[in-house]
N, C-alpha and C. Protein backbone atom coordinates (compact mmCIF):
# COMPACT_ATOMS: atom_id res chain seq x y z
N UNK A 1 0.74 -1.59 0.21
CA UNK A 1 -0.43 0.16 -0.22
C UNK A 1 0.44 1.03 0.11
N UNK A 2 0.58 1.95 -0.98
CA UNK A 2 1.12 3.49 -1.07
C UNK A 2 1.35 4.63 0.47
N UNK A 3 1.93 5.25 0.60
CA UNK A 3 2.31 5.87 2.22
C UNK A 3 1.22 7.44 1.69
N UNK A 4 2.02 8.26 2.97
CA UNK A 4 1.00 9.82 2.17
C UNK A 4 2.85 10.28 1.03
N UNK A 5 3.92 9.64 1.98
CA UNK A 5 4.71 10.45 0.90
C UNK A 5 4.73 9.07 -0.67
N UNK A 6 3.59 9.04 -0.94
CA UNK A 6 4.15 8.07 -2.03
C UNK A 6 2.33 8.23 -3.00
N UNK A 7 2.03 8.67 -2.27
CA UNK A 7 0.34 9.32 -2.78
C UNK A 7 0.90 9.97 -4.17
N UNK A 8 -0.41 10.11 -5.82
CA UNK A 8 -0.77 10.50 -7.01
C UNK A 8 -0.72 11.74 -6.12
N UNK A 9 -0.37 13.06 -7.45
CA UNK A 9 -0.98 14.62 -7.33
C UNK A 9 -1.49 14.53 -6.81
N UNK A 10 -2.26 15.67 -6.84
CA UNK A 10 -3.84 16.40 -6.84
C UNK A 10 -3.74 16.16 -8.68
N UNK A 11 -5.30 16.70 -8.98
CA UNK A 11 -5.60 16.97 -10.63
C UNK A 11 -4.49 18.19 -11.31
N UNK A 12 -4.31 19.23 -10.12
CA UNK A 12 -3.76 20.43 -10.29
C UNK A 12 -2.92 20.89 -8.43
N UNK A 13 -1.76 21.40 -9.39
CA UNK A 13 -1.26 21.78 -7.71
C UNK A 13 -0.43 22.45 -8.88
N UNK A 14 0.93 23.53 -7.65
CA UNK A 14 1.84 24.90 -7.96
C UNK A 14 2.66 24.34 -7.52
N UNK A 15 3.17 24.11 -8.98
CA UNK A 15 4.79 24.14 -8.94
C UNK A 15 5.50 25.19 -8.60
N UNK A 16 6.49 24.60 -7.25
CA UNK A 16 7.02 26.32 -6.72
C UNK A 16 7.89 26.47 -6.72
N UNK A 17 8.70 25.32 -7.37
CA UNK A 17 10.61 24.77 -7.61
C UNK A 17 11.03 24.59 -8.83
N UNK A 18 9.79 24.83 -10.31
CA UNK A 18 10.61 24.83 -11.59
C UNK A 18 11.51 25.47 -12.17
N UNK A 19 12.47 24.27 -12.94
CA UNK A 19 13.68 24.74 -12.87
C UNK A 19 13.41 25.76 -14.77
N UNK A 20 12.01 25.06 -14.75
CA UNK A 20 12.06 26.25 -15.96
C UNK A 20 12.01 27.84 -15.68
N UNK A 21 11.13 27.72 -14.75
CA UNK A 21 11.13 29.20 -14.07
C UNK A 21 11.78 30.03 -13.39
N UNK A 22 12.22 31.18 -13.32
CA UNK A 22 12.80 32.55 -12.22
C UNK A 22 11.99 31.47 -10.88
N UNK A 23 12.83 31.77 -9.89
CA UNK A 23 12.75 32.23 -8.86
C UNK A 23 11.45 32.94 -8.00
N UNK A 24 10.92 34.54 -8.89
CA UNK A 24 9.48 34.94 -8.32
C UNK A 24 8.63 34.63 -9.35
N UNK A 25 8.86 33.24 -9.77
CA UNK A 25 7.02 32.65 -10.79
C UNK A 25 7.08 31.69 -10.32
N UNK A 26 6.25 31.33 -10.41
CA UNK A 26 5.36 29.72 -9.58
C UNK A 26 4.26 29.59 -10.57
N UNK A 27 4.03 28.53 -11.30
CA UNK A 27 2.60 27.72 -12.30
C UNK A 27 1.94 26.69 -11.72
N UNK A 28 0.58 26.86 -12.56
CA UNK A 28 -0.30 25.87 -12.18
C UNK A 28 0.16 23.88 -13.09
N UNK A 29 0.34 22.96 -12.23
CA UNK A 29 0.61 21.14 -13.20
C UNK A 29 -0.24 20.92 -12.91
N UNK A 30 -0.28 20.17 -13.77
CA UNK A 30 -1.79 19.37 -14.07
C UNK A 30 -0.83 17.79 -14.33
N UNK A 31 -0.87 16.51 -13.21
CA UNK A 31 0.26 16.33 -13.03
C UNK A 31 -0.33 14.65 -13.92
N UNK A 32 0.19 13.94 -14.47
CA UNK A 32 -1.22 12.58 -14.96
C UNK A 32 -0.26 11.12 -14.79
N UNK A 33 -1.23 11.00 -13.21
CA UNK A 33 -0.45 9.74 -12.67
C UNK A 33 1.09 9.94 -12.22
N UNK A 34 1.51 10.93 -11.55
CA UNK A 34 2.70 11.25 -10.78
C UNK A 34 2.60 11.07 -8.89
N UNK A 35 3.08 10.63 -9.00
CA UNK A 35 3.95 9.73 -7.22
C UNK A 35 5.09 11.37 -7.14
N UNK A 36 4.39 11.94 -6.36
CA UNK A 36 5.24 13.11 -5.30
C UNK A 36 4.81 13.43 -4.38
N UNK A 37 5.44 13.77 -3.02
CA UNK A 37 5.08 14.90 -1.98
C UNK A 37 4.76 16.41 -2.43
N UNK A 38 4.02 16.25 -1.64
CA UNK A 38 2.77 17.73 -2.03
C UNK A 38 2.64 17.97 -1.02
N UNK A 39 2.60 19.41 -0.47
CA UNK A 39 1.53 20.95 0.37
C UNK A 39 0.75 21.43 0.38
N UNK A 40 -0.43 21.01 1.70
CA UNK A 40 -1.52 21.41 1.30
C UNK A 40 -2.15 22.79 2.35
N UNK A 41 -2.40 23.82 1.32
CA UNK A 41 -2.53 25.01 2.72
C UNK A 41 -4.76 25.09 2.52
N UNK A 42 -4.49 25.67 4.01
CA UNK A 42 -5.72 25.70 4.75
C UNK A 42 -5.94 26.94 5.64
N UNK A 43 -7.05 27.87 4.76
CA UNK A 43 -6.69 29.19 4.72
C UNK A 43 -8.25 29.82 4.79
N UNK A 44 -8.38 31.48 4.96
CA UNK A 44 -9.19 31.92 5.31
C UNK A 44 -9.93 32.56 3.82
N UNK A 45 -10.74 32.82 3.01
CA UNK A 45 -10.34 33.42 2.01
C UNK A 45 -11.08 34.85 2.58
N UNK A 46 -11.98 35.11 3.03
CA UNK A 46 -12.36 36.48 3.82
C UNK A 46 -12.92 37.18 2.36
N UNK A 47 -12.37 38.16 2.82
CA UNK A 47 -14.01 39.41 1.21
C UNK A 47 -12.63 40.18 0.19
N UNK A 48 -11.36 40.30 0.63
CA UNK A 48 -10.31 40.73 0.14
C UNK A 48 -10.12 39.97 -1.17
N UNK A 49 -9.95 40.48 -2.81
CA UNK A 49 -9.54 40.31 -3.68
C UNK A 49 -8.80 39.49 -3.88
N UNK A 50 -8.68 38.37 -4.53
CA UNK A 50 -7.32 37.30 -4.87
C UNK A 50 -7.57 37.00 -6.29
N UNK A 51 -6.62 36.51 -6.90
CA UNK A 51 -6.02 35.92 -7.98
C UNK A 51 -6.99 34.52 -7.49
N UNK A 52 -7.67 34.06 -8.96
CA UNK A 52 -8.75 32.80 -8.33
C UNK A 52 -8.20 31.79 -10.39
N UNK A 53 -8.17 30.62 -9.37
CA UNK A 53 -8.57 29.73 -11.07
C UNK A 53 -9.84 29.91 -12.02
N UNK A 54 -9.63 30.65 -12.74
CA UNK A 54 -10.73 30.68 -13.88
C UNK A 54 -11.05 30.18 -14.92
N UNK A 55 -12.03 29.78 -15.99
CA UNK A 55 -11.54 29.47 -16.81
C UNK A 55 -10.70 29.86 -18.23
N UNK A 56 -10.88 31.62 -18.17
CA UNK A 56 -10.11 32.37 -18.94
C UNK A 56 -8.66 32.32 -18.95
N UNK A 57 -8.37 32.56 -17.66
CA UNK A 57 -6.66 32.28 -17.32
C UNK A 57 -6.12 31.41 -16.75
N UNK A 58 -6.94 30.13 -17.00
CA UNK A 58 -6.09 28.41 -17.25
C UNK A 58 -5.05 28.94 -17.54
N UNK A 59 -5.18 28.98 -18.86
CA UNK A 59 -4.07 28.69 -19.99
C UNK A 59 -2.40 29.25 -19.68
N UNK A 60 -3.10 30.42 -19.15
CA UNK A 60 -1.94 31.35 -18.72
C UNK A 60 -0.85 30.67 -17.46
N UNK A 61 -1.83 30.71 -16.97
CA UNK A 61 -1.55 29.89 -14.96
C UNK A 61 -0.47 28.78 -14.86
N UNK A 62 -1.15 27.70 -16.21
CA UNK A 62 0.05 27.06 -16.77
C UNK A 62 1.64 26.90 -16.91
N UNK A 63 1.08 28.29 -17.47
CA UNK A 63 2.78 29.19 -18.02
C UNK A 63 3.60 29.90 -17.14
N UNK A 64 2.60 30.45 -16.56
CA UNK A 64 3.19 31.52 -14.85
C UNK A 64 2.50 31.73 -13.88
N UNK A 65 3.13 32.22 -13.53
CA UNK A 65 1.79 33.34 -12.49
C UNK A 65 3.48 33.65 -11.53
N UNK A 66 3.59 35.20 -11.83
CA UNK A 66 4.23 35.92 -11.08
C UNK A 66 3.79 35.62 -9.18
N UNK A 67 4.69 35.84 -8.51
CA UNK A 67 4.23 35.80 -6.80
C UNK A 67 3.84 36.87 -6.89
N UNK A 68 4.59 38.02 -7.31
CA UNK A 68 3.67 39.27 -6.61
C UNK A 68 1.90 39.42 -7.50
N UNK A 69 2.18 38.66 -7.81
CA UNK A 69 0.18 39.08 -8.35
C UNK A 69 -0.72 37.70 -6.88
N UNK A 70 0.31 37.27 -6.35
CA UNK A 70 -0.21 36.53 -5.09
C UNK A 70 -0.64 36.98 -3.64
N UNK A 71 -1.56 37.07 -2.85
CA UNK A 71 -2.44 37.70 -1.82
C UNK A 71 -0.82 37.12 -1.14
N UNK A 72 -0.64 37.49 0.27
CA UNK A 72 0.61 37.08 1.14
C UNK A 72 0.17 36.18 1.53
N UNK A 73 -1.00 35.50 2.23
CA UNK A 73 -1.05 34.22 2.14
C UNK A 73 -0.19 33.21 1.86
N UNK A 74 -0.56 33.47 0.35
CA UNK A 74 -0.26 32.65 -0.85
C UNK A 74 1.64 32.26 -0.53
N UNK A 75 1.79 33.91 -1.08
CA UNK A 75 3.17 34.35 -0.92
C UNK A 75 4.05 33.23 -0.08
N UNK A 76 3.57 33.21 1.39
CA UNK A 76 4.22 32.95 2.77
C UNK A 76 4.03 31.96 2.50
N UNK A 77 2.97 31.21 2.08
CA UNK A 77 2.78 29.12 1.82
C UNK A 77 3.88 29.03 0.88
N UNK A 78 3.56 29.86 0.20
CA UNK A 78 5.33 28.57 -1.18
C UNK A 78 6.76 29.45 -1.14
N UNK A 79 7.16 30.25 0.26
CA UNK A 79 7.89 30.32 0.78
C UNK A 79 8.59 29.09 2.22
N UNK A 80 7.54 28.71 2.26
CA UNK A 80 7.79 27.39 3.00
C UNK A 80 7.81 26.55 2.95
N UNK A 81 6.88 25.78 2.42
CA UNK A 81 7.36 24.59 0.97
C UNK A 81 8.58 24.37 0.45
N UNK A 82 9.51 25.66 0.46
CA UNK A 82 10.25 26.02 -0.81
C UNK A 82 11.03 25.50 0.52
N UNK A 83 10.59 25.80 1.62
CA UNK A 83 12.13 25.75 2.34
C UNK A 83 12.21 24.69 2.88
N UNK A 84 11.09 23.49 2.51
CA UNK A 84 11.29 22.00 2.99
C UNK A 84 11.68 21.28 2.26
N UNK A 85 11.78 22.09 1.12
CA UNK A 85 12.76 21.69 -0.02
C UNK A 85 11.36 20.38 -0.69
N UNK A 86 10.24 20.70 -0.61
CA UNK A 86 8.96 19.75 -1.90
C UNK A 86 8.91 21.04 -2.80
N UNK A 87 8.28 20.74 -3.81
CA UNK A 87 7.57 20.92 -4.78
C UNK A 87 6.82 21.97 -5.23
N UNK A 88 5.89 20.72 -4.85
CA UNK A 88 4.60 21.56 -5.10
C UNK A 88 3.78 21.64 -3.71
N UNK A 89 2.42 22.41 -3.93
CA UNK A 89 1.77 22.71 -3.24
C UNK A 89 0.20 22.96 -3.60
N UNK A 90 -0.57 21.96 -3.32
CA UNK A 90 -2.04 22.72 -3.30
C UNK A 90 -2.69 23.69 -2.68
N UNK A 91 -3.27 25.11 -3.68
CA UNK A 91 -4.12 25.95 -2.80
C UNK A 91 -5.87 25.82 -3.31
N UNK A 92 -6.36 25.37 -3.21
CA UNK A 92 -7.94 25.57 -3.84
C UNK A 92 -8.37 26.09 -4.40
N UNK A 93 -8.56 28.19 -4.25
CA UNK A 93 -8.92 28.46 -5.48
C UNK A 93 -8.29 28.49 -6.76
N UNK A 94 -6.53 28.14 -6.21
CA UNK A 94 -6.03 27.72 -7.62
C UNK A 94 -5.32 27.19 -7.86
N UNK A 95 -6.24 25.90 -7.68
CA UNK A 95 -5.82 24.43 -8.19
C UNK A 95 -7.71 23.92 -8.59
N UNK A 96 -8.43 24.52 -8.15
CA UNK A 96 -9.81 24.45 -8.74
C UNK A 96 -10.17 25.72 -9.77
N UNK A 97 -11.01 24.95 -10.62
CA UNK A 97 -11.46 26.71 -11.61
C UNK A 97 -12.47 26.69 -10.39
N UNK A 98 -12.56 28.09 -10.68
CA UNK A 98 -13.76 28.85 -9.38
C UNK A 98 -15.16 28.56 -10.77
N UNK A 99 -14.75 29.00 -12.01
CA UNK A 99 -16.23 29.76 -12.48
C UNK A 99 -15.94 27.64 -13.56
N UNK A 100 -16.71 26.94 -12.61
CA UNK A 100 -16.03 25.67 -13.62
C UNK A 100 -17.02 24.78 -12.79
N UNK A 101 -18.18 24.64 -13.15
CA UNK A 101 -19.01 23.90 -12.10
C UNK A 101 -18.62 22.40 -12.37
N UNK A 102 -18.71 21.89 -13.56
CA UNK A 102 -17.88 20.08 -13.20
C UNK A 102 -17.01 20.01 -12.62
N UNK A 103 -15.66 21.05 -12.40
CA UNK A 103 -14.87 21.07 -11.85
C UNK A 103 -14.39 20.89 -10.89
N UNK A 104 -15.38 21.82 -10.34
CA UNK A 104 -16.07 21.80 -9.02
C UNK A 104 -17.10 21.05 -8.35
N UNK A 105 -17.18 20.34 -8.86
CA UNK A 105 -17.96 19.34 -8.53
C UNK A 105 -16.65 17.50 -8.51
N UNK A 106 -15.69 17.92 -9.79
CA UNK A 106 -14.73 17.05 -9.51
C UNK A 106 -13.74 16.61 -8.05
N UNK A 107 -12.78 18.26 -8.64
CA UNK A 107 -12.34 18.58 -7.21
C UNK A 107 -12.41 18.11 -5.98
N UNK A 108 -13.91 19.24 -5.86
CA UNK A 108 -14.35 19.80 -4.57
C UNK A 108 -14.71 18.23 -3.73
N UNK A 109 -15.13 16.81 -4.56
CA UNK A 109 -15.19 15.88 -4.09
C UNK A 109 -14.17 15.12 -3.33
N UNK A 110 -12.61 16.00 -4.21
CA UNK A 110 -11.33 14.88 -3.89
C UNK A 110 -10.78 15.91 -2.54
N UNK A 111 -11.39 16.73 -2.27
CA UNK A 111 -10.28 17.29 -1.78
C UNK A 111 -10.56 16.81 -0.26
N UNK A 112 -11.46 15.63 0.42
CA UNK A 112 -10.57 14.81 1.51
C UNK A 112 -9.31 14.57 1.31
N UNK A 113 -9.04 14.19 0.21
CA UNK A 113 -7.74 12.88 -0.15
C UNK A 113 -6.78 13.77 -0.31
N UNK A 114 -7.31 14.88 -0.78
CA UNK A 114 -5.97 16.41 -0.49
C UNK A 114 -5.32 16.23 0.46
N UNK A 115 -6.43 16.51 1.42
CA UNK A 115 -5.90 16.86 3.17
C UNK A 115 -5.06 15.89 2.81
N UNK A 116 -5.85 14.18 3.50
CA UNK A 116 -5.70 12.64 4.02
C UNK A 116 -4.36 12.82 3.73
N UNK A 117 -4.04 13.01 1.90
CA UNK A 117 -2.70 12.56 1.67
C UNK A 117 -1.76 13.45 1.44
N UNK A 118 -1.15 14.83 2.15
CA UNK A 118 -0.87 15.61 2.24
C UNK A 118 0.53 15.55 2.75
N UNK A 119 1.52 15.79 1.89
CA UNK A 119 2.30 15.77 2.78
C UNK A 119 3.11 16.54 4.36
N UNK A 120 2.13 17.59 4.54
CA UNK A 120 2.09 18.55 5.57
C UNK A 120 0.64 19.35 4.44
N UNK A 121 0.26 20.02 5.86
CA UNK A 121 -1.42 21.35 5.95
C UNK A 121 -0.47 22.27 6.44
N UNK A 122 -0.17 22.79 5.83
CA UNK A 122 -0.28 24.70 5.80
C UNK A 122 -1.30 25.41 6.56
N UNK A 123 -1.53 25.62 8.28
CA UNK A 123 -2.12 26.22 8.07
C UNK A 123 -2.41 27.72 9.00
N UNK A 124 -2.81 28.87 7.90
CA UNK A 124 -3.03 30.12 7.86
C UNK A 124 -3.96 29.94 9.20
N UNK A 125 -3.66 29.33 11.10
CA UNK A 125 -4.46 29.92 11.62
C UNK A 125 -5.48 31.27 11.94
N UNK A 126 -4.86 32.31 12.14
CA UNK A 126 -4.17 33.28 13.00
C UNK A 126 -4.52 34.75 11.71
N UNK A 127 -4.94 33.67 10.55
CA UNK A 127 -5.17 34.77 8.97
C UNK A 127 -6.55 35.10 8.93
N UNK A 128 -7.02 36.32 8.88
CA UNK A 128 -8.06 36.12 8.00
C UNK A 128 -8.94 36.56 6.80
N UNK A 129 -7.69 36.94 5.87
CA UNK A 129 -8.29 36.78 4.72
C UNK A 129 -7.14 36.38 4.06
N UNK A 130 -6.85 36.32 3.17
CA UNK A 130 -5.69 36.69 2.22
C UNK A 130 -4.46 36.90 2.00
N UNK A 131 -4.59 38.02 2.53
CA UNK A 131 -3.69 39.41 2.52
C UNK A 131 -3.60 39.95 3.40
N UNK A 132 -3.77 38.57 4.63
CA UNK A 132 -2.64 39.15 6.08
C UNK A 132 -1.41 37.92 6.31
N UNK A 133 -1.55 37.03 5.09
CA UNK A 133 -0.21 36.47 5.70
C UNK A 133 -0.14 35.27 5.97
N UNK A 134 0.61 34.05 6.59
CA UNK A 134 1.15 33.14 7.36
C UNK A 134 1.49 33.16 8.51
N UNK A 135 2.16 34.52 9.18
CA UNK A 135 2.27 34.98 10.26
C UNK A 135 2.37 36.43 10.26
N UNK A 136 1.84 36.30 12.23
CA UNK A 136 0.98 37.16 12.01
C UNK A 136 2.09 38.18 12.83
N UNK A 137 2.09 38.87 13.37
CA UNK A 137 2.80 39.83 14.20
C UNK A 137 2.06 39.38 15.41
N UNK A 138 2.94 39.04 16.49
CA UNK A 138 2.99 38.27 17.86
C UNK A 138 3.27 39.01 19.12
N UNK A 139 2.78 39.60 19.72
CA UNK A 139 3.00 40.17 21.37
C UNK A 139 3.36 39.48 22.01
N UNK A 140 5.02 39.35 22.43
CA UNK A 140 5.64 37.73 22.87
C UNK A 140 5.43 37.95 24.63
N UNK A 141 4.01 39.08 25.38
CA UNK A 141 4.15 38.69 26.31
C UNK A 141 2.65 37.84 26.97
N UNK A 142 2.07 38.01 25.24
CA UNK A 142 0.87 37.47 25.45
C UNK A 142 1.04 36.09 25.45
N UNK A 143 1.67 35.40 25.58
CA UNK A 143 1.24 34.12 25.42
C UNK A 143 0.32 33.74 26.91
N UNK A 144 -0.17 32.04 26.69
CA UNK A 144 -0.17 31.79 27.29
C UNK A 144 -0.05 30.38 27.64
N UNK A 145 1.50 29.64 28.48
CA UNK A 145 0.62 27.99 27.93
C UNK A 145 -0.28 26.78 27.55
N UNK A 146 -0.46 25.99 27.45
CA UNK A 146 -1.06 24.66 27.51
C UNK A 146 -1.49 25.10 28.53
N UNK A 147 -0.92 24.60 29.90
CA UNK A 147 -0.92 24.12 31.41
C UNK A 147 -1.86 25.18 31.60
N UNK A 148 -1.40 25.68 31.92
CA UNK A 148 -2.07 27.53 32.19
C UNK A 148 -3.53 27.83 31.56
N UNK A 149 -3.05 27.33 30.15
CA UNK A 149 -4.90 27.57 29.76
C UNK A 149 -5.75 26.36 30.64
N UNK A 150 -5.56 24.52 30.45
CA UNK A 150 -6.36 23.85 31.11
C UNK A 150 -6.32 24.37 32.00
N UNK A 151 -5.72 24.55 33.48
CA UNK A 151 -6.01 25.25 34.87
C UNK A 151 -6.89 26.36 34.75
N UNK A 152 -6.60 27.64 33.57
CA UNK A 152 -6.97 28.21 34.52
C UNK A 152 -6.31 29.28 34.63
N UNK A 153 -5.32 29.45 34.90
CA UNK A 153 -4.60 30.36 35.79
C UNK A 153 -3.18 30.03 35.49
N UNK A 154 -2.06 31.57 35.75
CA UNK A 154 -1.14 31.70 35.23
C UNK A 154 -0.23 30.54 36.74
N UNK A 155 1.04 30.50 35.90
CA UNK A 155 2.10 29.15 36.82
C UNK A 155 2.90 29.92 36.71
N UNK A 156 3.71 29.53 37.64
CA UNK A 156 5.18 30.70 38.53
C UNK A 156 5.88 30.70 37.63
N UNK A 157 6.78 31.61 37.57
CA UNK A 157 7.56 32.07 36.48
C UNK A 157 8.93 31.00 36.14
N UNK A 158 9.18 29.89 37.62
CA UNK A 158 10.23 29.60 37.52
C UNK A 158 10.37 28.25 37.01
N UNK A 159 9.03 27.43 35.97
CA UNK A 159 8.52 26.17 36.47
C UNK A 159 9.63 26.29 34.82
N UNK A 160 10.21 24.71 35.83
CA UNK A 160 11.39 24.50 33.96
C UNK A 160 10.36 24.36 33.04
N UNK A 161 11.10 24.40 31.89
CA UNK A 161 11.10 24.15 30.62
C UNK A 161 12.02 22.78 29.47
N UNK A 162 11.59 22.14 29.19
CA UNK A 162 9.47 21.76 28.41
C UNK A 162 8.42 21.07 29.43
N UNK A 163 7.66 21.72 29.03
CA UNK A 163 6.64 21.37 30.09
C UNK A 163 5.50 20.01 29.53
N UNK A 164 5.04 18.96 30.19
CA UNK A 164 4.10 18.04 29.42
C UNK A 164 2.06 18.78 29.84
N UNK A 165 1.98 18.54 28.94
CA UNK A 165 0.25 18.91 29.62
C UNK A 165 -0.52 18.22 28.98
N UNK A 166 -1.31 16.52 29.97
CA UNK A 166 -2.60 16.36 29.26
C UNK A 166 -3.18 16.62 28.75
N UNK A 167 -4.17 16.62 27.56
CA UNK A 167 -5.53 17.80 27.41
C UNK A 167 -6.00 16.74 28.09
N UNK A 168 -7.40 16.39 28.60
CA UNK A 168 -8.74 15.93 29.20
C UNK A 168 -8.40 15.19 30.06
N UNK A 169 -6.48 15.42 31.02
CA UNK A 169 -6.25 14.74 32.18
C UNK A 169 -7.01 15.70 33.64
N UNK A 170 -6.85 16.78 33.68
CA UNK A 170 -6.79 17.90 34.36
C UNK A 170 -7.45 18.88 33.80
N UNK A 171 -8.34 19.60 34.98
CA UNK A 171 -9.01 21.41 34.32
C UNK A 171 -10.03 21.01 33.08
N UNK A 172 -9.95 22.08 32.81
CA UNK A 172 -11.07 22.46 31.33
C UNK A 172 -10.19 21.87 30.32
N UNK A 173 -10.81 21.70 29.23
CA UNK A 173 -10.97 20.91 27.96
C UNK A 173 -10.68 21.92 26.97
N UNK A 174 -9.57 21.71 26.01
CA UNK A 174 -9.40 23.38 25.23
C UNK A 174 -8.87 23.02 23.88
N UNK A 175 -8.69 23.65 23.03
CA UNK A 175 -8.12 23.40 21.28
C UNK A 175 -7.81 24.84 21.34
N UNK A 176 -6.25 24.70 21.22
CA UNK A 176 -4.87 25.54 20.51
C UNK A 176 -6.21 26.50 19.89
N UNK A 177 -6.52 26.12 18.80
CA UNK A 177 -6.70 27.18 18.46
C UNK A 177 -8.29 27.28 17.90
N UNK A 178 -8.61 26.95 18.79
CA UNK A 178 -9.66 27.09 18.29
C UNK A 178 -10.42 29.14 18.05
N UNK A 179 -9.75 29.77 19.17
CA UNK A 179 -10.47 31.37 18.80
C UNK A 179 -9.59 32.27 17.49
N UNK A 180 -9.03 31.53 16.54
CA UNK A 180 -8.03 31.88 15.50
C UNK A 180 -9.86 31.62 14.77
N UNK A 181 -9.33 32.92 13.70
CA UNK A 181 -10.07 33.06 12.17
C UNK A 181 -10.41 31.70 11.53
N UNK A 182 -9.77 31.23 11.12
CA UNK A 182 -9.36 29.98 10.27
C UNK A 182 -10.09 29.13 11.35
N UNK A 183 -10.51 28.44 11.94
CA UNK A 183 -11.31 27.95 12.75
C UNK A 183 -13.09 27.90 12.18
N UNK A 184 -12.82 29.31 12.08
CA UNK A 184 -14.36 29.44 11.68
C UNK A 184 -15.01 29.38 10.84
N UNK A 185 -14.28 28.98 9.66
CA UNK A 185 -14.72 28.81 8.33
C UNK A 185 -14.71 27.08 8.53
N UNK A 186 -16.05 26.77 7.59
CA UNK A 186 -16.66 25.15 8.00
C UNK A 186 -15.39 24.45 7.29
N UNK A 187 -15.21 24.55 6.37
CA UNK A 187 -14.51 23.73 5.62
C UNK A 187 -13.22 23.15 6.11
N UNK A 188 -12.57 23.97 7.09
CA UNK A 188 -11.47 23.49 8.14
C UNK A 188 -11.88 21.99 8.90
N UNK A 189 -12.86 21.83 8.88
CA UNK A 189 -13.02 20.26 9.97
C UNK A 189 -12.33 19.72 9.12
N UNK A 190 -12.54 19.78 7.83
CA UNK A 190 -12.30 17.94 7.44
C UNK A 190 -10.20 18.22 7.02
N UNK A 191 -10.43 19.43 6.91
CA UNK A 191 -9.14 20.02 6.95
C UNK A 191 -8.24 19.31 8.00
N UNK A 192 -8.54 20.00 9.64
CA UNK A 192 -7.79 19.37 10.16
C UNK A 192 -8.34 18.31 10.49
N UNK A 193 -9.16 17.33 10.04
CA UNK A 193 -9.22 16.66 10.75
C UNK A 193 -8.66 15.06 9.69
N UNK A 194 -8.43 15.52 8.87
CA UNK A 194 -8.09 14.31 7.46
C UNK A 194 -6.27 14.94 7.12
N UNK A 195 -5.58 16.11 7.41
CA UNK A 195 -4.87 16.45 7.99
C UNK A 195 -3.81 15.03 8.77
N UNK A 196 -2.76 14.56 8.13
CA UNK A 196 -1.56 13.83 8.95
C UNK A 196 -0.92 14.50 9.74
N UNK A 197 0.02 16.02 9.10
CA UNK A 197 0.88 16.37 9.61
C UNK A 197 0.74 18.35 9.56
N UNK A 198 -0.26 18.32 11.07
CA UNK A 198 -0.43 19.98 10.26
C UNK A 198 0.45 21.09 11.05
N UNK A 199 0.95 22.19 9.99
CA UNK A 199 1.09 23.66 11.14
C UNK A 199 0.21 24.71 11.04
N UNK A 200 0.15 24.70 12.60
CA UNK A 200 -0.02 25.99 12.82
C UNK A 200 0.37 27.34 13.02
N UNK A 201 -0.09 28.46 12.28
CA UNK A 201 0.95 29.39 12.01
C UNK A 201 -0.47 29.87 13.07
N UNK A 202 -0.53 30.33 14.27
CA UNK A 202 -1.59 30.66 15.17
C UNK A 202 -0.95 32.01 16.05
N UNK A 203 -2.25 32.59 16.41
CA UNK A 203 -1.48 34.33 16.97
C UNK A 203 -0.64 34.29 18.37
N UNK A 204 -0.89 33.09 18.66
CA UNK A 204 0.38 33.36 20.34
C UNK A 204 1.61 31.77 19.34
N UNK A 205 1.70 31.35 19.51
CA UNK A 205 3.07 30.77 18.58
C UNK A 205 2.44 29.93 17.50
N UNK A 206 3.54 28.95 16.52
CA UNK A 206 3.63 27.92 16.01
C UNK A 206 3.36 26.52 16.95
N UNK A 207 2.33 25.72 15.82
CA UNK A 207 1.99 24.69 16.56
C UNK A 207 2.46 23.62 15.60
N UNK A 208 3.19 21.79 16.02
CA UNK A 208 2.81 21.81 14.89
C UNK A 208 2.21 20.33 15.30
N UNK A 209 0.84 19.85 14.85
CA UNK A 209 0.20 18.36 14.65
C UNK A 209 -0.22 17.78 14.28
N UNK A 210 0.25 16.22 14.63
CA UNK A 210 0.49 15.09 13.84
C UNK A 210 -0.49 14.33 14.79
N UNK A 211 -0.96 13.01 13.94
CA UNK A 211 -1.79 12.34 14.41
C UNK A 211 -2.28 11.67 16.22
N UNK A 212 -1.76 11.47 16.59
CA UNK A 212 -0.70 11.54 18.39
C UNK A 212 -0.80 11.88 19.08
N UNK A 213 -0.34 13.63 18.92
CA UNK A 213 0.47 14.51 19.85
C UNK A 213 0.68 16.31 19.51
N UNK A 214 0.65 16.90 19.79
CA UNK A 214 0.42 18.64 19.00
C UNK A 214 2.31 19.15 20.08
N UNK A 215 3.09 19.40 19.11
CA UNK A 215 3.97 20.17 19.67
C UNK A 215 4.09 21.97 19.13
N UNK A 216 4.69 22.40 20.48
CA UNK A 216 4.41 24.34 20.13
C UNK A 216 5.98 24.46 20.44
N UNK A 217 5.84 25.49 19.14
CA UNK A 217 7.33 26.36 19.00
C UNK A 217 7.93 26.18 20.16
N UNK A 218 7.93 26.70 21.69
CA UNK A 218 8.55 26.43 22.56
C UNK A 218 8.92 24.93 23.23
N UNK A 219 9.35 24.10 21.74
CA UNK A 219 9.25 23.19 22.69
C UNK A 219 8.62 22.28 23.88
N UNK A 220 7.26 22.55 24.23
CA UNK A 220 6.26 22.47 25.03
C UNK A 220 5.43 21.30 24.19
N UNK A 221 5.06 19.92 25.02
CA UNK A 221 4.71 18.26 24.03
C UNK A 221 2.65 19.27 24.23
N UNK A 222 2.35 18.62 24.15
CA UNK A 222 0.63 18.61 23.74
C UNK A 222 0.15 16.57 24.27
N UNK A 223 -0.58 16.40 24.77
CA UNK A 223 -0.01 15.10 24.09
C UNK A 223 -1.82 15.23 24.25
N UNK A 224 -2.46 14.85 22.91
CA UNK A 224 -2.99 14.00 23.27
C UNK A 224 -3.89 13.15 23.71
N UNK A 225 -5.58 13.14 24.36
CA UNK A 225 -5.80 12.48 25.17
C UNK A 225 -6.56 11.81 23.53
N UNK A 226 -6.97 9.94 24.15
CA UNK A 226 -7.00 9.00 23.23
C UNK A 226 -8.20 8.59 23.80
C-alpha cells in the first residue's frame, strides 16, 4: 500500500520549484499519474480580492504566475513549501477552476483525499483573509501556555521547560486554535481532521500537530488524549 509520501498528486498543483521558471514565478501543473510529495494550504478566503483559477486564465497560469500577483498568504505558503524542499503546493482557489461547475464537482469531491494524503498541511490559523499572510505579528508577552489554559490560571515563572500537558486529564479541555479566524470557516473541519501533519501558524505561536500529539514552538509537548 502506498504511504502518504507516495500518493499520486492531485489533478492540479502549484509547481513552486520548476527549473524552467525564475525564482519569482510559479505555475499550475496538471500531472498525469505522477507520484510525489506535496503540501496543502488551509486558509480563510475573507472578502479581499485574490487571484483565482478561472476558465479564462487557466492557460496562462499553466505557463507561469508572478509571485507578486499572489496575495500574502499564498506567497508565504510558497516560501514555506520551498524551505522544506517540497516542489508542489495545493491551494483550493488556484487548483480548482472557480467558474467551472463540473470542475468544482470533481475537485471538490476529492478535497478530503487532498488533505489526507498531503505531506503536510500549512494552516494559516491567525489569518483573517488572503492578504494577511501566514506569519502574524505577535505580542511576546501575551502567550499563555497550554498548562495555564487547561488549569485556567498562570503558572509560576520559575517552572522549568519543557512541560508536558495531558489534554483532558485535568482542568478544562481546550482547543489550541479554537479562537483563531481560520476555525470559524466550515471547510476547516475536514482539513484539520484528515491532515496527517499540520503546522498551525497561530496568533500566540506555532504548533505542529500529527495524529498522536501536538508540539509547540517553545518545545512544549501537548499529548492528545486517546
